[in-house]
Amino acid sequence: MLDENIAFVVISALTIGSAIVALEAKQVVYGAIALAFSFLGVAGLFIVLDATFVALFQIIVYIGAVAVLILFTVMLVTRDVEAESKREPVKPMGVIIAVVIAVLVIIVASVSNLATWYDTGSFSGSIVSGIGTLLTDQYSLPLEVLALVLGASVVGALTLAKVERE
């Protein structure tokens, strides 16, 4: 029980810290990267709550799709702005904070017993296979329509960005 509480506090602190960095970042690319880390922290909180499928869905959808799309759009649109901005020197306090956070994460990972939470022999995978069966059988048409809509929106965003540059 104590290990669960320690993991929850550390993951919550990292999630809140990265969300604050995402809000306070002066450059948009750093804000988008911090937002991706905040999404990863939320996925970690889902793992602590024993909702593994929701955590994997969080990682795939939000980190894999939304954060990458945000970074892609930001880099596509603000390419000239980033080149003109001056480079800020690395601040020693930021390096110290990063090292302290890394050491804390390593300590918590080595002390906690998160690996023993799940008994691999009793896991049948019926939940994940049931969701996969539903997605491929019952919800295959909405899934394909959603993929086409997302693809069309990416092509539209690229077209609009190309028109503005010319």
C-alpha atoms as a PDB file:
ATOM      1  CA  MET A   1       0.000   0.000   0.000  1.00  0.00           C
ATOM      2  CA  LEU A   2       2.851   2.366   0.787  1.00  0.00           C
ATOM      3  CA  ASP A   3       4.472   1.688  -2.591  1.00  0.00           C
ATOM      4  CA  GLU A   4       1.228   2.533  -4.377  1.00  0.00           C
ATOM      5  CA  ASN A   5       1.019   5.828  -2.512  1.00  0.00           C
ATOM      6  CA  ILE A   6       4.629   6.699  -3.276  1.00  0.00           C
ATOM      7  CA  ALA A   7       4.153   5.867  -6.972  1.00  0.00           C
ATOM      8  CA  PHE A   8       0.962   7.939  -7.056  1.00  0.00           C
ATOM      9  CA  VAL A   9       2.642  10.968  -5.463  1.00  0.00           C
ATOM     10  CA  VAL A  10       5.688  10.820  -7.742  1.00  0.00           C
ATOM     11  CA  ILE A  11       3.643  10.345 -10.922  1.00  0.00           C
ATOM     12  CA  SER A  12       1.223  13.102  -9.859  1.00  0.00           C
ATOM     13  CA  ALA A  13       4.102  15.496  -9.184  1.00  0.00           C
ATOM     14  CA  LEU A  14       5.651  14.761 -12.583  1.00  0.00           C
ATOM     15  CA  THR A  15       2.290  15.170 -14.318  1.00  0.00           C
ATOM     16  CA  ILE A  16       1.510  18.466 -12.615  1.00  0.00           C
ATOM     17  CA  GLY A  17       5.054  19.710 -13.154  1.00  0.00           C
ATOM     18  CA  SER A  18       4.985  18.955 -16.860  1.00  0.00           C
ATOM     19  CA  ALA A  19       1.537  20.548 -17.175  1.00  0.00           C
ATOM     20  CA  ILE A  20       2.890  23.730 -15.569  1.00  0.00           C
ATOM     21  CA  VAL A  21       5.858  23.674 -17.948  1.00  0.00           C
ATOM     22  CA  ALA A  22       3.425  23.224 -20.871  1.00  0.00           C
ATOM     23  CA  LEU A  23       1.504  26.302 -19.760  1.00  0.00           C
ATOM     24  CA  GLU A  24       4.517  28.469 -18.988  1.00  0.00           C
ATOM     25  CA  ALA A  25       6.808  27.549 -21.900  1.00  0.00           C
ATOM     26  CA  LYS A  26       7.925  30.514 -23.971  1.00  0.00           C
ATOM     27  CA  GLN A  27       8.431  28.421 -27.083  1.00  0.00           C
ATOM     28  CA  VAL A  28       5.544  26.381 -28.426  1.00  0.00           C
ATOM     29  CA  VAL A  29       7.608  23.297 -29.249  1.00  0.00           C
ATOM     30  CA  TYR A  30       8.744  22.946 -25.639  1.00  0.00           C
ATOM     31  CA  GLY A  31       5.168  23.418 -24.484  1.00  0.00           C
ATOM     32  CA  ALA A  32       3.986  20.638 -26.802  1.00  0.00           C
ATOM     33  CA  ILE A  33       6.704  18.283 -25.562  1.00  0.00           C
ATOM     34  CA  ALA A  34       5.769  19.055 -21.958  1.00  0.00           C
ATOM     35  CA  LEU A  35       2.123  18.399 -22.839  1.00  0.00           C
ATOM     36  CA  ALA A  36       3.114  14.969 -24.168  1.00  0.00           C
ATOM     37  CA  PHE A  37       4.889  14.242 -20.874  1.00  0.00           C
ATOM     38  CA  SER A  38       1.791  15.363 -19.013  1.00  0.00           C
ATOM     39  CA  PHE A  39      -0.287  12.900 -21.050  1.00  0.00           C
ATOM     40  CA  LEU A  40       2.267  10.205 -20.216  1.00  0.00           C
ATOM     41  CA  GLY A  41       1.872  11.020 -16.520  1.00  0.00           C
ATOM     42  CA  VAL A  42      -1.892  10.636 -16.799  1.00  0.00           C
ATOM     43  CA  ALA A  43      -1.314   7.220 -18.385  1.00  0.00           C
ATOM     44  CA  GLY A  44       0.920   6.354 -15.437  1.00  0.00           C
ATOM     45  CA  LEU A  45      -1.866   7.339 -13.065  1.00  0.00           C
ATOM     46  CA  PHE A  46      -4.214   5.007 -14.943  1.00  0.00           C
ATOM     47  CA  ILE A  47      -1.692   2.194 -14.475  1.00  0.00           C
ATOM     48  CA  VAL A  48      -1.575   2.893 -10.738  1.00  0.00           C
ATOM     49  CA  LEU A  49      -5.387   2.716 -10.724  1.00  0.00           C
ATOM     50  CA  ASP A  50      -5.200  -0.728 -12.411  1.00  0.00           C
ATOM     51  CA  ALA A  51      -6.761   0.465 -15.665  1.00  0.00           C
ATOM     52  CA  THR A  52      -4.119  -0.858 -18.040  1.00  0.00           C
ATOM     53  CA  PHE A  53      -6.227  -0.726 -21.192  1.00  0.00           C
ATOM     54  CA  VAL A  54      -7.177   2.909 -20.581  1.00  0.00           C
ATOM     55  CA  ALA A  55      -3.497   3.706 -19.977  1.00  0.00           C
ATOM     56  CA  LEU A  56      -2.478   2.077 -23.252  1.00  0.00           C
ATOM     57  CA  PHE A  57      -5.284   3.882 -25.052  1.00  0.00           C
ATOM     58  CA  GLN A  58      -4.081   7.158 -23.480  1.00  0.00           C
ATOM     59  CA  ILE A  59      -0.560   6.521 -24.726  1.00  0.00           C
ATOM     60  CA  ILE A  60      -1.625   5.520 -28.220  1.00  0.00           C
ATOM     61  CA  VAL A  61      -4.221   8.235 -28.821  1.00  0.00           C
ATOM     62  CA  TYR A  62      -2.953  11.245 -26.928  1.00  0.00           C
ATOM     63  CA  ILE A  63       0.791  10.807 -27.058  1.00  0.00           C
ATOM     64  CA  GLY A  64       0.959   8.962 -30.340  1.00  0.00           C
ATOM     65  CA  ALA A  65      -1.555  11.012 -32.264  1.00  0.00           C
ATOM     66  CA  VAL A  66      -2.441  14.313 -30.626  1.00  0.00           C
ATOM     67  CA  ALA A  67       1.007  15.259 -29.325  1.00  0.00           C
ATOM     68  CA  VAL A  68       2.721  14.254 -32.570  1.00  0.00           C
ATOM     69  CA  LEU A  69       0.113  16.188 -34.569  1.00  0.00           C
ATOM     70  CA  ILE A  70       0.631  19.248 -32.377  1.00  0.00           C
ATOM     71  CA  LEU A  71       4.407  19.032 -32.785  1.00  0.00           C
ATOM     72  CA  PHE A  72       4.082  18.469 -36.531  1.00  0.00           C
ATOM     73  CA  THR A  73       1.771  21.454 -36.937  1.00  0.00           C
ATOM     74  CA  VAL A  74       3.861  23.723 -34.743  1.00  0.00           C
ATOM     75  CA  MET A  75       7.063  22.816 -36.553  1.00  0.00           C
ATOM     76  CA  LEU A  76       5.384  23.258 -39.929  1.00  0.00           C
ATOM     77  CA  VAL A  77       3.856  26.642 -39.175  1.00  0.00           C
ATOM     78  CA  THR A  78       6.507  28.260 -36.976  1.00  0.00           C
ATOM     79  CA  ARG A  79       9.646  27.193 -38.794  1.00  0.00           C
ATOM     80  CA  ASP A  80      10.731  30.763 -39.578  1.00  0.00           C
ATOM     81  CA  VAL A  81       9.821  32.114 -36.139  1.00  0.00           C
ATOM     82  CA  GLU A  82      11.978  29.566 -34.315  1.00  0.00           C
ATOM     83  CA  ALA A  83      15.001  30.343 -36.500  1.00  0.00           C
ATOM     84  CA  GLU A  84      14.744  34.057 -35.737  1.00  0.00           C
ATOM     85  CA  SER A  85      14.379  33.647 -31.977  1.00  0.00           C
ATOM     86  CA  LYS A  86      17.574  33.790 -29.990  1.00  0.00           C
ATOM     87  CA  ARG A  87      18.858  30.719 -28.234  1.00  0.00           C
ATOM     88  CA  GLU A  88      18.540  30.840 -24.471  1.00  0.00           C
ATOM     89  CA  PRO A  89      21.485  29.455 -22.527  1.00  0.00           C
ATOM     90  CA  VAL A  90      20.948  26.353 -20.420  1.00  0.00           C
ATOM     91  CA  LYS A  91      20.161  27.421 -16.901  1.00  0.00           C
ATOM     92  CA  PRO A  92      21.979  25.470 -14.165  1.00  0.00           C
ATOM     93  CA  MET A  93      18.878  25.300 -11.954  1.00  0.00           C
ATOM     94  CA  GLY A  94      16.962  23.510 -14.724  1.00  0.00           C
ATOM     95  CA  VAL A  95      19.720  20.913 -15.057  1.00  0.00           C
ATOM     96  CA  ILE A  96      19.784  20.407 -11.279  1.00  0.00           C
ATOM     97  CA  ILE A  97      15.991  19.953 -11.153  1.00  0.00           C
ATOM     98  CA  ALA A  98      16.110  17.472 -14.053  1.00  0.00           C
ATOM     99  CA  VAL A  99      18.819  15.425 -12.319  1.00  0.00           C
ATOM    100  CA  VAL A 100      16.897  15.435  -9.013  1.00  0.00           C
ATOM    101  CA  ILE A 101      13.698  14.277 -10.756  1.00  0.00           C
ATOM    102  CA  ALA A 102      15.593  11.538 -12.613  1.00  0.00           C
ATOM    103  CA  VAL A 103      17.169  10.310  -9.375  1.00  0.00           C
ATOM    104  CA  LEU A 104      13.768  10.314  -7.632  1.00  0.00           C
ATOM    105  CA  VAL A 105      12.190   8.306 -10.449  1.00  0.00           C
ATOM    106  CA  ILE A 106      15.046   5.782 -10.372  1.00  0.00           C
ATOM    107  CA  ILE A 107      14.777   5.409  -6.581  1.00  0.00           C
ATOM    108  CA  VAL A 108      11.001   4.937  -6.682  1.00  0.00           C
ATOM    109  CA  ALA A 109      11.269   2.450  -9.553  1.00  0.00           C
ATOM    110  CA  SER A 110      13.894   0.392  -7.750  1.00  0.00           C
ATOM    111  CA  VAL A 111      12.084   0.426  -4.376  1.00  0.00           C
ATOM    112  CA  SER A 112       8.536  -0.161  -5.599  1.00  0.00           C
ATOM    113  CA  ASN A 113       7.062  -3.548  -6.331  1.00  0.00           C
ATOM    114  CA  LEU A 114       5.015  -2.533  -9.370  1.00  0.00           C
ATOM    115  CA  ALA A 115       6.249  -5.603 -11.257  1.00  0.00           C
ATOM    116  CA  THR A 116       4.621  -7.934  -8.737  1.00  0.00           C
ATOM    117  CA  TRP A 117       1.177  -6.337  -8.961  1.00  0.00           C
ATOM    118  CA  TYR A 118       0.146  -8.496 -11.879  1.00  0.00           C
ATOM    119  CA  ASP A 119       0.267 -12.247 -11.834  1.00  0.00           C
ATOM    120  CA  THR A 120       1.231 -13.125 -15.394  1.00  0.00           C
ATOM    121  CA  GLY A 121       0.000 -16.692 -15.043  1.00  0.00           C
ATOM    122  CA  SER A 122      -3.588 -15.663 -14.330  1.00  0.00           C
ATOM    123  CA  PHE A 123      -3.837 -13.127 -17.151  1.00  0.00           C
ATOM    124  CA  SER A 124      -5.851 -14.546 -20.000  1.00  0.00           C
ATOM    125  CA  GLY A 125      -6.074 -11.429 -22.131  1.00  0.00           C
ATOM    126  CA  SER A 126      -9.818 -11.836 -22.509  1.00  0.00           C
ATOM    127  CA  ILE A 127     -10.530  -8.134 -21.945  1.00  0.00           C
ATOM    128  CA  VAL A 128      -8.093  -6.945 -24.587  1.00  0.00           C
ATOM    129  CA  SER A 129      -9.078  -9.641 -27.064  1.00  0.00           C
ATOM    130  CA  GLY A 130     -12.770  -8.844 -26.479  1.00  0.00           C
ATOM    131  CA  ILE A 131     -12.177  -5.164 -27.212  1.00  0.00           C
ATOM    132  CA  GLY A 132     -10.159  -6.098 -30.298  1.00  0.00           C
ATOM    133  CA  THR A 133     -12.940  -8.368 -31.516  1.00  0.00           C
ATOM    134  CA  LEU A 134     -15.520  -5.610 -31.033  1.00  0.00           C
ATOM    135  CA  LEU A 135     -13.360  -3.096 -32.918  1.00  0.00           C
ATOM    136  CA  THR A 136     -12.790  -5.405 -35.869  1.00  0.00           C
ATOM    137  CA  ASP A 137     -16.293  -6.886 -36.070  1.00  0.00           C
ATOM    138  CA  GLN A 138     -18.991  -4.565 -34.774  1.00  0.00           C
ATOM    139  CA  TYR A 139     -17.248  -1.181 -35.003  1.00  0.00           C
ATOM    140  CA  SER A 140     -15.131  -1.668 -38.110  1.00  0.00           C
ATOM    141  CA  LEU A 141     -17.085   0.786 -40.285  1.00  0.00           C
ATOM    142  CA  PRO A 142     -16.978   3.702 -37.786  1.00  0.00           C
ATOM    143  CA  LEU A 143     -13.281   3.002 -37.219  1.00  0.00           C
ATOM    144  CA  GLU A 144     -12.563   3.180 -40.961  1.00  0.00           C
ATOM    145  CA  VAL A 145     -14.622   6.374 -41.344  1.00  0.00           C
ATOM    146  CA  LEU A 146     -12.725   7.930 -38.442  1.00  0.00           C
ATOM    147  CA  ALA A 147      -9.413   7.008 -40.069  1.00  0.00           C
ATOM    148  CA  LEU A 148     -10.528   8.634 -43.340  1.00  0.00           C
ATOM    149  CA  VAL A 149     -11.670  11.812 -41.555  1.00  0.00           C
ATOM    150  CA  LEU A 150      -8.368  12.085 -39.674  1.00  0.00           C
ATOM    151  CA  GLY A 151      -6.406  11.504 -42.876  1.00  0.00           C
ATOM    152  CA  ALA A 152      -8.438  14.151 -44.704  1.00  0.00           C
ATOM    153  CA  SER A 153      -7.858  16.644 -41.877  1.00  0.00           C
ATOM    154  CA  VAL A 154      -4.083  16.122 -42.042  1.00  0.00           C
ATOM    155  CA  VAL A 155      -4.112  16.584 -45.834  1.00  0.00           C
ATOM    156  CA  GLY A 156      -6.245  19.728 -45.404  1.00  0.00           C
ATOM    157  CA  ALA A 157      -3.853  21.148 -42.805  1.00  0.00           C
ATOM    158  CA  LEU A 158      -0.886  20.520 -45.100  1.00  0.00           C
ATOM    159  CA  THR A 159      -2.713  22.162 -48.010  1.00  0.00           C
ATOM    160  CA  LEU A 160      -3.566  25.237 -45.934  1.00  0.00           C
ATOM    161  CA  ALA A 161       0.013  25.528 -44.686  1.00  0.00           C
ATOM    162  CA  LYS A 162       1.376  25.237 -48.216  1.00  0.00           C
ATOM    163  CA  VAL A 163      -1.030  27.892 -49.546  1.00  0.00           C
ATOM    164  CA  GLU A 164      -0.044  30.355 -46.799  1.00  0.00           C
ATOM    165  CA  ARG A 165       3.664  29.924 -47.498  1.00  0.00           C
ATOM    166  CA  GLU A 166       3.322  30.565 -51.219  1.00  0.00           C
END
